Protein backbone atom coordinates (compact mmCIF):
# COMPACT_ATOMS: atom_id res chain seq x y z
CA MET A 1 182.85 -109.32 -47.55
CA LYS A 2 181.33 -110.40 -44.36
CA ARG A 3 181.95 -107.76 -41.73
CA ARG A 4 183.76 -108.74 -38.50
CA TYR A 5 184.34 -106.39 -35.64
CA LEU A 6 186.69 -106.77 -32.58
CA ALA A 7 185.29 -104.84 -29.53
CA LEU A 8 187.66 -103.81 -26.66
CA TRP A 9 186.13 -102.93 -23.33
CA PHE A 10 188.27 -101.33 -20.59
CA PRO A 11 186.24 -102.07 -17.30
CA PHE A 12 188.51 -100.01 -15.17
CA LEU A 13 189.76 -97.39 -17.50
CA PRO A 14 189.68 -94.29 -15.15
CA ALA A 15 191.38 -96.21 -12.35
CA ASP A 16 193.98 -97.77 -14.68
CA ARG A 17 194.63 -94.48 -16.31
CA LEU A 18 195.09 -92.68 -12.92
CA ARG A 19 197.45 -95.55 -11.78
CA LEU A 20 199.65 -95.32 -14.81
CA GLU A 21 199.69 -91.54 -15.23
CA GLU A 22 199.86 -90.57 -11.59
CA ALA A 23 201.49 -93.54 -9.70
CA ASP A 24 204.33 -91.30 -8.34
CA GLN A 25 201.83 -88.69 -6.99
CA LEU A 26 199.59 -91.35 -5.33
CA SER A 27 202.60 -93.02 -3.70
CA ARG A 28 203.85 -89.64 -2.38
CA THR A 29 200.57 -88.58 -0.91
CA THR A 30 199.48 -91.82 0.59
CA ASP A 31 200.95 -94.94 2.33
CA THR A 32 198.45 -97.25 0.47
CA PRO A 33 199.91 -100.19 -1.36
CA HIS A 34 200.00 -100.45 -5.10
CA ASP A 35 197.04 -102.91 -5.24
CA ALA A 36 194.90 -100.88 -2.79
CA ALA A 37 191.12 -100.40 -3.46
CA LEU A 38 190.62 -97.12 -5.40
CA ALA A 39 187.54 -95.20 -6.25
CA LEU A 40 187.08 -92.08 -8.43
CA VAL A 41 184.27 -89.74 -7.24
CA ALA A 42 182.20 -86.82 -8.54
CA LYS A 43 179.44 -84.84 -6.82
CA ALA A 44 175.99 -85.89 -7.88
CA LYS A 45 172.56 -85.20 -6.18
CA GLY A 46 174.17 -83.30 -3.37
CA ALA A 47 176.67 -86.02 -2.36
CA LEU A 48 179.94 -87.49 -3.51
CA ARG A 49 179.25 -90.63 -5.38
CA LEU A 50 181.52 -93.30 -6.90
CA ARG A 51 181.89 -93.04 -10.72
CA ALA A 52 184.56 -95.56 -11.28
CA VAL A 53 186.49 -98.16 -9.18
CA ASN A 54 189.40 -100.46 -9.84
CA ALA A 55 189.41 -104.26 -9.82
CA HIS A 56 190.42 -104.53 -6.04
CA ALA A 57 187.57 -102.24 -4.92
CA GLN A 58 185.13 -104.21 -7.03
CA ALA A 59 186.26 -107.48 -5.42
CA LEU A 60 185.33 -105.97 -2.09
CA GLY A 61 181.73 -105.22 -3.37
CA ILE A 62 182.42 -101.51 -3.88
CA MET A 63 180.59 -100.57 -7.07
CA PRO A 64 180.05 -97.26 -9.00
CA GLY A 65 176.96 -95.47 -7.91
CA LEU A 66 177.55 -95.80 -4.14
CA THR A 67 178.07 -92.68 -2.09
CA LEU A 68 181.44 -92.19 -0.73
CA ALA A 69 180.20 -92.52 2.80
CA ASP A 70 178.67 -95.97 2.06
CA ALA A 71 181.86 -97.06 0.28
CA ARG A 72 183.93 -96.02 3.24
CA ALA A 73 181.75 -97.99 5.63
CA LEU A 74 182.41 -100.95 3.53
CA HIS A 75 186.19 -100.47 3.37
CA PRO A 76 187.62 -97.63 5.57
CA GLY A 77 190.98 -97.85 3.72
CA LEU A 78 189.50 -96.91 0.35
CA LEU A 79 191.84 -94.63 -1.69
CA VAL A 80 189.79 -91.72 -3.29
CA ALA A 81 190.67 -89.45 -6.25
CA ASP A 82 188.58 -87.01 -8.36
CA MET A 83 186.95 -88.17 -11.54
CA ASP A 84 188.61 -86.63 -14.58
CA GLU A 85 186.49 -87.35 -17.59
CA ALA A 86 188.57 -85.06 -20.00
CA ALA A 87 191.62 -87.05 -19.11
CA ASP A 88 189.86 -90.28 -19.53
CA ARG A 89 188.65 -89.24 -23.03
CA HIS A 90 192.15 -88.24 -24.00
CA TRP A 91 193.51 -91.60 -22.70
CA LEU A 92 190.87 -93.53 -24.57
CA LYS A 93 191.82 -91.73 -27.79
CA ARG A 94 195.53 -92.63 -27.34
CA LEU A 95 194.63 -96.22 -26.90
CA ALA A 96 192.43 -95.97 -30.10
CA GLU A 97 195.26 -94.48 -32.00
CA HIS A 98 197.41 -97.38 -30.89
CA CYS A 99 194.83 -99.78 -32.47
CA ILE A 100 195.32 -98.27 -35.87
CA GLY A 101 198.14 -100.61 -36.20
CA TRP A 102 195.80 -103.54 -36.33
CA SER A 103 193.04 -102.00 -38.50
CA PRO A 104 192.50 -98.77 -40.34
CA LEU A 105 188.89 -98.50 -39.21
CA VAL A 106 188.90 -97.78 -35.42
CA THR A 107 185.90 -96.29 -33.71
CA ILE A 108 185.84 -94.90 -30.16
CA VAL A 109 182.83 -96.01 -28.01
CA PRO A 110 182.67 -93.59 -25.04
CA PRO A 111 183.39 -93.82 -22.28
CA ASP A 112 185.54 -97.00 -22.21
CA GLY A 113 185.23 -98.90 -25.42
CA ILE A 114 186.93 -99.21 -28.79
CA THR A 115 185.71 -101.12 -31.89
CA LEU A 116 187.86 -102.28 -34.71
CA ASP A 117 186.57 -103.31 -38.17
CA ILE A 118 188.95 -106.32 -38.76
CA ALA A 119 187.45 -107.65 -42.03
CA GLY A 120 190.26 -108.20 -44.44
CA SER A 121 193.05 -107.51 -41.94
CA GLU A 122 192.78 -110.24 -39.40
CA HIS A 123 194.75 -112.70 -41.52
CA LEU A 124 197.89 -110.49 -41.17
CA PHE A 125 197.85 -111.36 -37.40
CA GLY A 126 197.08 -115.10 -37.60
CA GLY A 127 193.32 -114.84 -37.76
CA GLU A 128 190.79 -113.40 -35.35
CA ALA A 129 192.24 -115.31 -32.22
CA GLY A 130 195.72 -114.21 -33.08
CA LEU A 131 194.76 -110.54 -33.44
CA ALA A 132 192.79 -110.62 -30.20
CA ALA A 133 195.75 -112.31 -28.34
CA GLN A 134 198.24 -109.67 -29.80
CA ALA A 135 195.85 -106.84 -28.51
CA GLU A 136 195.40 -108.40 -25.21
CA ASP A 137 199.20 -108.77 -24.67
CA ALA A 138 199.77 -105.24 -25.81
CA PHE A 139 197.32 -103.70 -23.33
CA ALA A 140 198.40 -106.05 -20.55
CA ALA A 141 201.98 -104.95 -21.09
CA ILE A 142 201.02 -101.38 -20.12
CA GLY A 143 198.79 -102.42 -17.20
CA MET A 144 195.32 -102.03 -18.79
CA ALA A 145 192.54 -104.46 -17.98
CA VAL A 146 190.57 -105.35 -21.08
CA ARG A 147 187.78 -107.67 -22.18
CA MET A 148 187.19 -108.34 -25.92
CA ALA A 149 184.81 -110.18 -28.26
CA VAL A 150 184.40 -110.55 -31.97
CA ALA A 151 181.09 -110.47 -33.77
CA SER A 152 179.36 -109.64 -37.02
CA THR A 153 178.15 -106.25 -35.87
CA ALA A 154 179.91 -103.49 -33.97
CA GLN A 155 177.09 -103.28 -31.31
CA GLY A 156 177.08 -107.01 -30.97
CA ALA A 157 180.73 -107.20 -30.37
CA GLN A 158 180.60 -104.51 -27.72
CA ALA A 159 177.68 -106.09 -26.02
CA LEU A 160 179.43 -109.45 -25.91
CA ALA A 161 182.60 -107.94 -24.48
CA ARG A 162 180.70 -106.12 -21.72
CA HIS A 163 178.11 -108.69 -20.78
CA ALA A 164 178.80 -112.33 -22.07
CA PRO A 165 180.86 -114.94 -20.37
CA LEU A 166 184.07 -115.67 -22.30
CA PRO A 167 185.03 -117.38 -24.47
CA ILE A 168 182.08 -117.43 -26.80
CA GLU A 169 181.27 -120.65 -28.82
CA ASP A 170 178.04 -119.58 -30.63
CA GLU A 171 177.71 -115.89 -31.41
CA ARG A 172 173.97 -115.74 -32.02
CA GLN A 173 173.08 -117.83 -29.05
CA ALA A 174 175.39 -115.80 -26.90
CA LEU A 175 173.62 -112.60 -28.14
CA ARG A 176 170.20 -113.92 -27.30
CA ALA A 177 171.34 -114.82 -23.79
CA LEU A 178 172.60 -111.36 -22.98
CA PRO A 179 170.55 -109.26 -20.38
CA VAL A 180 168.36 -106.54 -21.66
CA ARG A 181 170.78 -103.81 -20.44
CA ALA A 182 173.08 -104.88 -23.31
CA LEU A 183 170.75 -102.96 -25.61
CA GLY A 184 172.33 -99.76 -24.35
CA LEU A 185 169.03 -98.16 -23.41
CA ASP A 186 168.63 -95.81 -20.47
CA ASP A 187 168.08 -97.21 -16.96
CA GLU A 188 164.31 -96.48 -17.03
CA ALA A 189 163.71 -98.35 -20.34
CA ALA A 190 165.87 -101.38 -19.15
CA LEU A 191 163.88 -101.47 -15.90
CA ALA A 192 160.57 -101.32 -17.83
CA LEU A 193 161.65 -104.27 -20.07
CA HIS A 194 162.64 -106.24 -17.03
CA ARG A 195 159.43 -105.60 -15.15
CA ALA A 196 157.55 -106.80 -18.29
CA GLY A 197 159.24 -110.18 -17.99
CA LEU A 198 161.63 -109.40 -20.76
CA LYS A 199 164.98 -110.28 -19.15
CA THR A 200 167.20 -111.28 -22.08
CA ILE A 201 167.69 -110.18 -25.61
CA GLY A 202 166.15 -113.41 -26.82
CA ASP A 203 162.95 -112.51 -24.88
CA VAL A 204 162.73 -109.18 -26.56
CA ALA A 205 163.47 -110.66 -30.01
CA SER A 206 160.69 -113.11 -29.61
CA ARG A 207 158.07 -110.45 -29.32
CA PRO A 208 156.62 -108.51 -32.35
CA ALA A 209 158.65 -105.36 -33.18
CA ALA A 210 155.40 -103.21 -33.43
CA SER A 211 154.40 -104.13 -29.78
CA ILE A 212 157.89 -103.44 -28.48
CA ALA A 213 157.99 -100.07 -30.17
CA ALA A 214 154.50 -99.20 -28.90
CA ARG A 215 155.26 -100.02 -25.41
CA PHE A 216 158.86 -99.22 -24.97
CA GLY A 217 159.69 -96.79 -27.80
CA ALA A 218 161.26 -97.09 -31.22
CA GLU A 219 164.80 -96.77 -29.74
CA ALA A 220 164.37 -100.33 -28.30
CA VAL A 221 163.54 -101.80 -31.67
CA THR A 222 166.39 -99.95 -33.36
CA ALA A 223 168.97 -101.06 -30.70
CA LEU A 224 167.69 -104.70 -31.08
CA ARG A 225 167.91 -104.73 -34.92
CA ARG A 226 171.50 -103.25 -34.71
CA LEU A 227 172.53 -105.81 -32.16
CA MET A 228 171.19 -108.66 -34.21
CA GLY A 229 172.68 -107.48 -37.51
CA GLU A 230 169.42 -106.63 -39.02
CA GLU A 231 170.31 -103.04 -39.35
CA HIS A 232 173.77 -101.35 -39.64
CA ALA A 233 174.44 -98.27 -37.63
CA PRO A 234 176.57 -95.45 -39.08
CA ILE A 235 180.26 -95.46 -37.70
CA ASP A 236 182.55 -92.67 -37.12
CA PRO A 237 186.01 -94.08 -37.50
CA LEU A 238 189.10 -92.32 -35.98
CA ALA A 239 190.83 -90.46 -38.66
CA SER A 240 194.53 -91.32 -39.00
CA PRO A 241 196.62 -88.21 -38.57
CA ALA A 242 198.49 -87.06 -41.62
CA PRO A 243 202.11 -88.05 -41.42
CA LEU A 244 204.46 -85.36 -40.37
CA HIS A 245 206.55 -85.11 -43.65
CA PHE A 246 208.21 -81.69 -44.70
CA GLU A 247 210.07 -81.20 -47.98
CA ARG A 248 212.18 -78.45 -49.66
CA ARG A 249 212.89 -78.54 -53.44
CA PHE A 250 215.57 -76.35 -55.14
CA ALA A 251 215.49 -75.07 -58.73
CA GLU A 252 219.26 -75.25 -58.66
CA PRO A 253 221.22 -77.88 -56.63
CA VAL A 254 222.55 -76.62 -53.32
CA ALA A 255 226.01 -77.69 -52.20
CA LEU A 256 226.99 -74.95 -49.57
CA GLN A 257 226.89 -76.26 -46.09
CA ALA A 258 225.54 -73.07 -44.74
CA SER A 259 222.60 -73.16 -47.28
CA ILE A 260 221.98 -76.81 -46.38
CA ALA A 261 221.98 -76.02 -42.64
CA ALA A 262 219.60 -72.98 -43.12
CA CYS A 263 217.11 -75.24 -45.07
CA PHE A 264 217.22 -77.86 -42.48
CA LEU A 265 216.63 -75.27 -39.68
CA ASP A 266 213.66 -73.99 -41.73
CA LEU A 267 212.23 -77.63 -41.93
CA LEU A 268 212.61 -78.10 -38.23
CA ARG A 269 210.82 -74.80 -37.53
CA GLU A 270 208.02 -75.79 -39.77
CA ALA A 271 207.80 -79.27 -37.99
CA ALA A 272 207.69 -77.40 -34.62
CA ARG A 273 204.69 -75.49 -35.60
CA ALA A 274 202.91 -78.60 -36.84
CA LEU A 275 203.80 -80.48 -33.68
CA GLU A 276 202.59 -77.59 -31.50
CA GLU A 277 199.23 -77.66 -33.25
CA ARG A 278 198.74 -81.31 -32.43
CA GLY A 279 200.23 -80.96 -28.92
CA LEU A 280 202.90 -83.40 -29.81
CA GLY A 281 206.69 -83.71 -29.66
CA GLY A 282 208.98 -85.66 -31.88
CA ARG A 283 210.86 -88.71 -30.57
CA ARG A 284 212.51 -89.64 -33.94
CA PHE A 285 213.58 -87.46 -36.75
CA ALA A 286 214.59 -88.81 -40.21
CA LEU A 287 216.47 -86.62 -42.75
CA THR A 288 216.95 -87.43 -46.36
CA LEU A 289 219.09 -85.52 -48.71
CA PHE A 290 218.57 -86.19 -52.40
CA ARG A 291 221.77 -85.63 -54.51
CA SER A 292 221.29 -84.33 -58.12
CA ASP A 293 222.97 -87.52 -59.44
CA GLY A 294 220.33 -89.73 -57.80
CA ALA A 295 222.27 -90.72 -54.68
CA ARG A 296 220.62 -90.31 -51.33
CA HIS A 297 221.92 -89.62 -47.89
CA ARG A 298 219.69 -90.78 -45.00
CA LEU A 299 220.21 -89.65 -41.35
CA SER A 300 218.11 -90.25 -38.36
CA ILE A 301 218.29 -89.48 -34.69
CA GLU A 302 216.20 -90.29 -31.53
CA THR A 303 215.47 -88.32 -28.37
CA GLY A 304 214.75 -89.71 -24.98
CA LEU A 305 211.94 -87.25 -24.38
CA PRO A 306 209.49 -85.70 -26.97
CA THR A 307 210.65 -82.38 -28.22
CA ARG A 308 209.72 -79.69 -30.70
CA ASP A 309 212.61 -77.40 -30.11
CA PRO A 310 214.77 -77.16 -33.29
CA ALA A 311 218.03 -76.30 -31.43
CA PRO A 312 218.64 -79.68 -29.66
CA VAL A 313 217.48 -81.58 -32.72
CA LEU A 314 219.96 -79.64 -35.00
CA ARG A 315 222.74 -80.34 -32.45
CA LEU A 316 222.01 -84.01 -32.39
CA PHE A 317 222.11 -84.11 -36.24
CA GLY A 318 225.45 -82.41 -36.01
CA GLU A 319 226.61 -85.27 -33.59
CA ARG A 320 225.32 -87.75 -36.01
CA ILE A 321 227.19 -86.33 -38.93
CA ALA A 322 230.33 -86.00 -36.97
CA ALA A 323 230.17 -89.64 -36.05
CA LEU A 324 229.90 -90.88 -39.61
CA ALA A 325 232.79 -92.98 -40.90
CA ASP A 326 232.48 -91.34 -44.30
CA PRO A 327 231.73 -87.56 -44.34
CA LEU A 328 228.70 -86.41 -46.38
CA ASP A 329 229.69 -85.58 -49.93
CA PRO A 330 227.20 -83.20 -51.63
CA GLY A 331 228.80 -83.78 -55.06
CA PHE A 332 227.18 -81.41 -57.40
CA GLY A 333 224.52 -80.46 -54.77
CA TYR A 334 221.18 -81.47 -53.33
CA ASP A 335 218.04 -80.82 -55.29
CA ARG A 336 215.64 -81.96 -52.51
CA ILE A 337 215.68 -82.30 -48.68
CA THR A 338 212.97 -84.01 -46.71
CA LEU A 339 212.16 -84.29 -42.98
CA PHE A 340 210.09 -87.12 -41.67
CA LEU A 341 208.88 -87.64 -38.01
CA PRO A 342 207.93 -91.38 -37.71
CA VAL A 343 207.56 -91.35 -33.90
CA THR A 344 205.78 -88.62 -31.89
CA GLU A 345 204.31 -88.43 -28.45
CA PRO A 346 202.02 -85.98 -26.46
CA LEU A 347 203.95 -83.02 -25.19
CA GLY A 348 202.34 -80.51 -22.85
CA ALA A 349 203.61 -77.41 -21.17
CA SER A 350 205.90 -77.74 -18.20
CA GLN A 351 205.06 -76.66 -14.84
CA PRO A 352 207.28 -73.88 -13.26
CA THR A 353 208.26 -74.09 -9.61
CA LEU A 354 207.34 -71.57 -6.99
CA ASP A 355 210.57 -69.53 -7.69
CA GLY A 356 209.72 -69.16 -11.27
CA ASN A 357 212.25 -71.67 -12.57
CA GLU A 358 211.23 -74.48 -14.87
CA GLN A 359 211.36 -78.02 -13.59
CA ASP A 360 213.94 -79.06 -16.14
CA ALA A 361 214.31 -82.71 -16.33
CA SER A 362 215.95 -82.40 -19.77
CA ALA A 363 219.60 -82.11 -18.77
CA LEU A 364 220.02 -85.89 -18.27
CA ALA A 365 217.82 -86.67 -21.32
CA ASP A 366 219.99 -84.29 -23.46
CA LEU A 367 223.17 -86.03 -22.27
CA ILE A 368 221.66 -89.44 -23.10
CA ASP A 369 220.52 -88.15 -26.52
CA ARG A 370 223.97 -86.93 -27.39
CA LEU A 371 225.81 -90.08 -26.22
CA SER A 372 223.36 -92.43 -27.82
CA THR A 373 223.64 -90.43 -31.08
CA ARG A 374 227.47 -90.47 -31.10
CA LEU A 375 228.10 -94.01 -29.79
CA GLY A 376 224.88 -95.76 -31.06
CA PRO A 377 221.64 -96.43 -29.20
CA GLY A 378 222.61 -100.05 -28.21
CA ASN A 379 225.94 -98.91 -26.57
CA LEU A 380 224.23 -96.87 -23.85
CA CYS A 381 221.86 -98.76 -21.61
CA ARG A 382 219.91 -98.11 -18.48
CA LEU A 383 218.48 -100.55 -15.96
CA ILE A 384 214.73 -100.84 -16.03
CA PRO A 385 212.85 -102.50 -13.08
CA GLN A 386 210.87 -105.53 -13.90
CA ASP A 387 207.90 -107.08 -12.12
CA SER A 388 209.56 -110.16 -10.87
CA HIS A 389 210.67 -111.42 -7.44
CA ILE A 390 213.50 -113.46 -8.95
CA PRO A 391 216.51 -111.29 -8.20
CA GLU A 392 218.34 -111.58 -11.60
CA GLN A 393 215.08 -110.99 -13.48
CA ALA A 394 214.12 -107.87 -11.43
CA GLN A 395 215.79 -105.69 -13.83
CA LEU A 396 216.45 -105.42 -17.57
CA ALA A 397 219.17 -103.42 -19.53
CA LEU A 398 217.59 -101.54 -22.44
CA PRO A 399 218.82 -98.72 -24.67
CA ALA A 400 218.73 -95.58 -22.45
CA ILE A 401 217.08 -93.64 -25.26
CA HIS A 402 214.05 -95.89 -25.35
CA GLU A 403 211.67 -94.66 -22.74
CA ARG A 404 209.23 -97.22 -21.10
CA MET A 405 206.35 -96.93 -18.88
CA PRO A 406 207.92 -96.14 -15.54
CA ILE A 407 207.94 -98.74 -12.66
CA ARG A 408 209.11 -97.62 -9.29
CA TRP A 409 212.24 -99.25 -7.85
CA PRO A 410 211.66 -100.93 -4.57
CA THR A 411 213.05 -98.93 -1.57
CA PRO A 412 214.28 -100.45 1.58
CA PRO A 413 212.81 -99.12 4.96
CA GLU A 414 214.50 -95.96 6.17
CA GLY A 415 217.52 -96.71 8.44
CA GLU A 416 217.70 -100.33 7.41
CA PRO A 417 220.58 -101.96 5.48
CA PRO A 418 219.85 -103.09 2.00
CA MET A 419 218.20 -106.43 1.50
CA ARG A 420 219.91 -107.04 -1.76
CA PRO A 421 223.48 -106.43 -2.91
CA LEU A 422 224.19 -104.03 -5.78
CA PHE A 423 226.53 -106.53 -7.36
CA LEU A 424 225.20 -109.92 -8.59
CA PHE A 425 227.16 -112.75 -10.20
CA ASP A 426 225.84 -114.02 -13.46
CA PRO A 427 225.64 -116.96 -13.18
CA PRO A 428 225.61 -117.52 -9.46
CA GLN A 429 228.97 -119.14 -8.37
CA PRO A 430 229.01 -122.54 -6.52
CA VAL A 431 230.19 -122.71 -3.00
CA GLU A 432 230.75 -125.49 -0.43
CA VAL A 433 228.76 -125.00 2.74
CA ILE A 434 228.97 -126.60 6.11
CA ALA A 435 225.86 -126.33 8.35
CA GLU A 436 224.87 -127.77 11.73
CA VAL A 437 221.74 -129.19 10.31
CA PRO A 438 220.99 -130.04 6.67
CA ASP A 439 218.37 -127.25 6.19
CA GLY A 440 220.04 -124.69 8.54
CA PRO A 441 222.11 -121.59 7.96
CA PRO A 442 225.75 -121.90 6.84
CA HIS A 443 228.43 -121.83 9.54
CA ARG A 444 231.39 -122.28 7.18
CA PHE A 445 231.68 -122.13 3.44
CA ARG A 446 234.49 -122.39 0.73
CA TRP A 447 234.45 -120.01 -2.22
CA ARG A 448 237.18 -119.72 -4.75
CA ARG A 449 239.37 -122.12 -2.75
CA LYS A 450 239.23 -120.01 0.36
CA LEU A 451 237.55 -121.07 3.54
CA HIS A 452 235.34 -118.43 5.27
CA GLU A 453 234.05 -118.67 8.85
CA VAL A 454 230.63 -117.27 9.34
CA ARG A 455 230.41 -114.70 12.10
CA LEU A 456 226.89 -113.35 11.59
CA TYR A 457 223.98 -114.36 9.40
CA GLU A 458 220.44 -113.22 8.62
CA GLY A 459 217.84 -115.26 7.02
CA PRO A 460 216.61 -117.25 5.31
CA GLU A 461 214.58 -115.07 2.89
CA ARG A 462 212.66 -117.67 0.94
CA ILE A 463 211.88 -116.99 -2.72
CA ALA A 464 209.69 -119.52 -4.37
CA SER A 465 210.01 -120.43 -7.98
CA GLU A 466 207.85 -118.90 -10.82
CA TRP A 467 206.04 -122.27 -11.34
CA TRP A 468 204.14 -120.89 -14.38
CA ARG A 469 207.40 -120.63 -16.21
CA ARG A 470 208.92 -123.95 -15.11
CA LYS A 471 210.40 -125.99 -18.11
CA GLY A 472 211.83 -129.08 -16.45
CA GLY A 473 215.40 -129.17 -15.86
CA GLU A 474 216.64 -126.62 -13.35
CA ALA A 475 219.83 -124.64 -13.30
CA PRO A 476 220.98 -121.73 -11.10
CA GLY A 477 219.22 -118.59 -12.06
CA LYS A 478 216.60 -120.44 -14.13
CA GLY A 479 213.91 -120.80 -11.41
CA GLY A 480 211.99 -123.97 -10.72
CA LEU A 481 213.30 -124.75 -7.21
CA THR A 482 212.82 -122.80 -3.96
CA ARG A 483 215.70 -120.59 -2.84
CA ASP A 484 216.67 -119.75 0.67
CA TYR A 485 218.92 -116.62 0.75
CA TYR A 486 221.13 -115.61 3.68
CA ARG A 487 222.95 -112.43 4.32
CA ILE A 488 226.36 -113.54 5.60
CA GLU A 489 229.22 -111.74 7.39
CA ASP A 490 232.52 -113.66 7.73
CA ALA A 491 235.15 -113.31 10.47
CA ARG A 492 236.98 -110.53 8.48
CA GLY A 493 233.80 -108.37 8.17
CA ARG A 494 233.05 -109.12 4.50
CA ARG A 495 229.44 -109.59 3.55
CA TYR A 496 228.00 -111.99 1.10
CA TRP A 497 224.62 -113.06 -0.31
CA ILE A 498 224.37 -116.87 -0.50
CA PHE A 499 221.43 -119.08 -1.29
CA ARG A 500 220.48 -122.69 -1.05
CA HIS A 501 218.94 -123.86 -4.31
CA GLY A 502 216.19 -126.29 -3.48
CA LEU A 503 214.76 -127.79 -0.31
CA TYR A 504 215.40 -131.28 0.89
CA THR A 505 211.65 -131.93 0.52
CA GLU A 506 211.89 -130.93 -3.22
CA LYS A 507 214.76 -133.53 -3.69
CA PRO A 508 216.54 -131.70 -6.47
CA ASP A 509 219.36 -134.35 -6.51
CA PRO A 510 218.71 -137.49 -4.32
CA ARG A 511 222.41 -138.28 -4.10
CA GLN A 512 223.79 -134.82 -3.09
CA GLY A 513 220.78 -132.71 -1.90
CA PRO A 514 220.45 -129.00 -2.49
CA LYS A 515 223.34 -127.04 -3.68
CA TRP A 516 224.60 -123.62 -2.48
CA TYR A 517 225.61 -120.64 -4.55
CA MET A 518 227.24 -117.22 -4.18
CA HIS A 519 224.80 -114.65 -5.81
CA GLY A 520 226.13 -111.34 -4.78
CA LEU A 521 228.58 -109.24 -2.69
CA PHE A 522 227.59 -106.31 -0.39
CA ALA A 523 229.66 -103.20 -0.46
């Protein structure tokens, strides 16, 4: 079988990791906006030098290798953090573990690359293009910038992902056009090749291997052969962790509730020890009880936060059993009980406060776990902020027990009234508006057959459409037309949030003009 490799390169991995893991800390310690230029520094040669930057800093011409003083001269508002190589390695390993779902052979390429052997598995995802698109969407969803390429060798795929303009039409031609630094040699060897007039991989490949080895070392020849597929380098794929599966068998069937509970507690304690060794906590626990007559009872619970404490898990299983429509019937007893942990997440030690107490954020999580177990995960939801400026799309109701990557809720300036109401109509309700000029603010409006005189107004707040999602016909709440929002107070002191859907220049309806809608009520 012809080998095919998918290379993933994360060009801003340290900055993306820091933004995702420590977004709250950065926002508390600085007044810098979310898309500010960020650099990570470490001490080298007696000075603080940039080791990594984010995309915004790179766009400003700030590159790794500069001294911090030079970088600050280019951009005084540069946000700086310490380089943490251990955290970056751990983050890259977590990303690689996620890639095991696409291929069983995943190799980490330090410090910022991952290579997947996709021969024989790409057809499961719609071919190479489909697999690459799925991987790109997955990493974009968590906020990781990634470049990827497919080639017949692992080294070639990584070189194309890092140095070639994408997309790639001809793999061999693209490889020969790569700069010599794509060989992965040290800076001194790459500079020597460049000074000798060998600027591309094709230039090096056109010279006899013996002369290249004699002048630039055998490493240059080996790197070239591996890049062009003439020699295969040994790979060290990431080992898939053994599944967390625990089992107890009984010589005689067990029917007593106390004996079953004791066995289950023993399984949870064994699972806790295994989780602690891996630095993990369980998010989903599945219990199967095998009855002696062949019947099986399956129970599963989920937790909002990773845990390895047997007590809350045991309590949640008690809630789950109590919520069953039909109670468990052991019959003539159970001869086998298994515990499986299909979902786990990293779990570290908690940080105590100055007074010695633990920062316990588990009280709310424990309540969510209990209610979700008793009522069902879909019956208890929480609002999750979304990255959208369309009001009705700025939040999403998801099961409260399903944790997502946190996004900060926007906060109004201190002392200012809220810009948006807490209550929104879905869909927005039509109103009849009278204005002095066609595109001016409302002076009087009729809503639910009642006429309201406008005493005060503030606006307009213009919200443009998400043009990249436009699908033709427009309806309230579906985007496509510009909205002008007004905060209105009527003569009786009641406050409303009204918008004009469309501008007269957009001509949403040549016969009637833009329409008005009531979108929300202020408290």
